[in-house]
Protein backbone atom coordinates (compact mmCIF):
# COMPACT_ATOMS: atom_id res chain seq x y z
CA UNK A 1 -18.59 85.37 -34.12
CA UNK A 2 -22.26 85.30 -35.04
CA UNK A 3 -22.90 82.75 -32.28
CA UNK A 4 -21.49 85.11 -29.67
CA UNK A 5 -23.58 87.99 -30.97
CA UNK A 6 -26.76 85.91 -30.99
CA UNK A 7 -26.00 84.81 -27.41
CA UNK A 8 -25.60 88.43 -26.33
CA UNK A 9 -28.85 89.33 -28.09
CA UNK A 10 -30.70 86.53 -26.29
CA UNK A 11 -29.24 87.44 -22.90
CA UNK A 12 -30.02 91.13 -23.44
CA UNK A 13 -33.72 90.25 -23.27
CA UNK A 14 -33.44 88.67 -19.80
CA UNK A 15 -34.39 90.85 -16.85
CA UNK A 16 -34.20 90.70 -13.08
CA UNK A 17 -37.27 90.36 -10.87
CA UNK A 18 -37.62 94.16 -10.62
CA UNK A 19 -37.57 94.58 -14.44
CA UNK A 20 -34.04 95.91 -14.82
CA UNK A 21 -31.75 94.34 -17.45
CA UNK A 22 -29.83 91.42 -16.01
CA UNK A 23 -26.56 92.15 -17.88
CA UNK A 24 -25.20 95.21 -19.66
CA UNK A 25 -24.32 94.75 -23.37
CA UNK A 26 -20.92 96.32 -22.78
CA UNK A 27 -20.26 93.84 -19.96
CA UNK A 28 -21.26 90.80 -22.04
CA UNK A 29 -19.15 91.96 -24.99
CA UNK A 30 -16.12 92.26 -22.69
CA UNK A 31 -16.72 88.76 -21.26
CA UNK A 32 -16.97 87.23 -24.73
CA UNK A 33 -14.07 89.29 -26.14
CA UNK A 34 -16.06 90.99 -28.89
CA UNK A 35 -16.46 94.68 -29.64
CA UNK A 36 -19.60 96.52 -28.62
CA UNK A 37 -19.73 98.36 -31.95
CA UNK A 38 -19.44 95.03 -33.77
CA UNK A 39 -22.45 93.73 -31.81
CA UNK A 40 -24.60 96.75 -32.69
CA UNK A 41 -23.48 96.52 -36.33
CA UNK A 42 -24.48 92.83 -36.32
CA UNK A 43 -27.93 93.77 -34.96
CA UNK A 44 -28.65 96.16 -37.84
CA UNK A 45 -27.11 93.99 -40.55
CA UNK A 46 -29.34 91.78 -42.71
CA UNK A 47 -28.84 88.06 -43.18
CA UNK A 48 -25.69 86.98 -45.03
CA UNK A 49 -25.73 85.62 -48.57
CA UNK A 50 -25.17 82.13 -47.19
CA UNK A 51 -28.13 82.48 -44.84
CA UNK A 52 -30.30 83.75 -47.70
CA UNK A 53 -29.25 80.82 -49.92
CA UNK A 54 -29.95 78.33 -47.13
CA UNK A 55 -33.40 79.88 -46.61
CA UNK A 56 -34.19 79.50 -50.33
CA UNK A 57 -32.91 75.91 -50.33
CA UNK A 58 -34.96 75.14 -47.20
CA UNK A 59 -38.14 76.28 -48.95
CA UNK A 60 -37.35 74.18 -52.04
CA UNK A 61 -36.45 71.15 -49.91
CA UNK A 62 -39.72 71.42 -47.98
CA UNK A 63 -41.64 71.62 -51.28
CA UNK A 64 -39.86 68.57 -52.77
CA UNK A 65 -40.35 66.61 -49.54
CA UNK A 66 -44.10 67.33 -49.47
CA UNK A 67 -44.47 66.73 -53.22
CA UNK A 68 -43.25 63.17 -52.70
CA UNK A 69 -45.49 62.47 -49.70
CA UNK A 70 -42.65 62.59 -47.18
CA UNK A 71 -40.96 59.45 -48.50
CA UNK A 72 -37.81 61.05 -49.93
CA UNK A 73 -34.71 61.13 -47.76
CA UNK A 74 -31.85 63.57 -48.16
CA UNK A 75 -30.21 61.58 -50.99
CA UNK A 76 -33.32 61.59 -53.17
CA UNK A 77 -34.11 65.21 -52.35
CA UNK A 78 -30.52 66.10 -53.32
CA UNK A 79 -30.93 64.23 -56.61
CA UNK A 80 -34.13 66.16 -57.38
CA UNK A 81 -32.38 69.44 -56.57
CA UNK A 82 -29.42 68.55 -58.79
CA UNK A 83 -31.71 67.62 -61.70
CA UNK A 84 -33.57 70.92 -61.37
CA UNK A 85 -30.35 72.96 -61.35
CA UNK A 86 -30.06 73.78 -57.63
CA UNK A 87 -26.50 72.64 -56.97
CA UNK A 88 -25.58 72.03 -53.35
CA UNK A 89 -23.85 69.51 -51.15
CA UNK A 90 -25.81 66.46 -49.94
CA UNK A 91 -24.76 67.25 -46.37
CA UNK A 92 -26.32 70.71 -46.72
CA UNK A 93 -29.58 69.04 -47.71
CA UNK A 94 -29.24 66.68 -44.75
CA UNK A 95 -28.62 69.57 -42.33
CA UNK A 96 -31.54 71.60 -43.65
CA UNK A 97 -33.90 68.62 -43.48
CA UNK A 98 -32.80 68.06 -39.88
CA UNK A 99 -33.39 71.75 -39.05
CA UNK A 100 -36.84 71.62 -40.65
CA UNK A 101 -37.68 68.37 -38.85
CA UNK A 102 -38.28 66.46 -42.10
CA UNK A 103 -37.86 62.74 -41.55
CA UNK A 104 -38.52 60.42 -44.45
CA UNK A 105 -41.05 57.65 -43.95
CA UNK A 106 -39.80 54.67 -45.90
CA UNK A 107 -42.49 52.07 -46.49
CA UNK A 108 -41.38 48.59 -45.56
CA UNK A 109 -41.04 45.95 -48.24
CA UNK A 110 -43.70 43.32 -48.12
CA UNK A 111 -42.35 40.03 -46.86
CA UNK A 112 -42.84 37.26 -49.34
CA UNK A 113 -43.77 33.89 -47.93
CA UNK A 114 -42.04 30.76 -49.16
CA UNK A 115 -45.14 28.57 -48.96
CA UNK A 116 -48.76 28.91 -49.92
CA UNK A 117 -51.20 28.62 -47.09
CA UNK A 118 -53.95 26.11 -47.30
CA UNK A 119 -57.49 27.40 -46.90
CA UNK A 120 -58.19 24.71 -44.31
CA UNK A 121 -56.59 24.92 -40.87
CA UNK A 122 -55.47 21.65 -39.37
CA UNK A 123 -55.93 21.12 -35.65
CA UNK A 124 -52.44 20.18 -34.44
CA UNK A 125 -52.37 18.94 -30.85
CA UNK A 126 -49.88 20.46 -28.39
CA UNK A 127 -48.37 17.23 -27.08
CA UNK A 128 -45.96 18.82 -24.60
CA UNK A 129 -48.42 21.56 -23.55
CA UNK A 130 -45.83 24.37 -23.88
CA UNK A 131 -43.61 22.77 -21.21
CA UNK A 132 -40.08 22.76 -22.64
CA UNK A 133 -38.36 21.27 -19.59
CA UNK A 134 -37.34 17.65 -19.07
CA UNK A 135 -35.59 15.72 -16.28
CA UNK A 136 -33.86 13.11 -18.43
CA UNK A 137 -32.07 13.48 -21.74
CA UNK A 138 -34.03 12.19 -24.71
CA UNK A 139 -37.41 12.41 -22.93
CA UNK A 140 -38.60 15.44 -24.91
CA UNK A 141 -37.29 16.35 -28.32
CA UNK A 142 -38.62 19.39 -30.17
CA UNK A 143 -37.94 20.55 -33.69
CA UNK A 144 -37.91 23.81 -35.59
CA UNK A 145 -37.29 24.88 -39.16
CA UNK A 146 -36.10 28.20 -40.49
CA UNK A 147 -34.68 29.57 -43.70
CA UNK A 148 -31.71 31.82 -44.36
CA UNK A 149 -31.20 33.90 -47.53
CA UNK A 150 -27.85 33.25 -49.26
CA UNK A 151 -26.34 34.43 -52.53
CA UNK A 152 -27.30 31.14 -54.14
CA UNK A 153 -30.89 31.11 -52.88
CA UNK A 154 -32.68 30.09 -49.70
CA UNK A 155 -30.98 27.73 -47.28
CA UNK A 156 -33.37 25.77 -45.08
CA UNK A 157 -32.24 24.74 -41.60
CA UNK A 158 -34.10 22.10 -39.57
CA UNK A 159 -33.09 21.37 -35.97
CA UNK A 160 -33.99 18.79 -33.33
CA UNK A 161 -33.35 20.04 -29.77
CA UNK A 162 -33.24 18.01 -26.56
CA UNK A 163 -35.33 19.83 -23.90
CA UNK A 164 -33.20 18.55 -21.00
CA UNK A 165 -29.73 19.71 -22.15
CA UNK A 166 -30.86 22.28 -24.75
CA UNK A 167 -28.37 20.64 -27.12
CA UNK A 168 -28.98 20.20 -30.82
CA UNK A 169 -29.18 16.46 -31.38
CA UNK A 170 -30.20 16.38 -35.02
């Protein structure tokens, strides 16, 4: 019901080119099947208890978010609220953060390398000069190595590819 009343209130402010109101309140209430007296009562009424609680929670959420440098998402903010005695649903925290435009910035984990780099750089010649095409099979073979994390540790995969057929030959 509140959505209909807020729509009527917004449309009541619109005017025609000559400055006259575009729609009558009585007309809009009839179109939306709400009572005119209910609309005027809604206009004079203060915010509901739920709206007041959400406003208080929004202020606390904004404070917690800023206190942690914008890195806390809705789960962590909810945990902080629960520890401090402000009980609410995690989805309420998520909705309020979305309304306030608070998006957590999660720093990326640093990627650990599997090898140590040597201080000296070796000059490796490019023998195929970045041309990965070949007319006959077996004329150009290129290799690559990669590693895949598994539950038992790193699995290293080395491949030899034929440039003519693009098939893995070794």
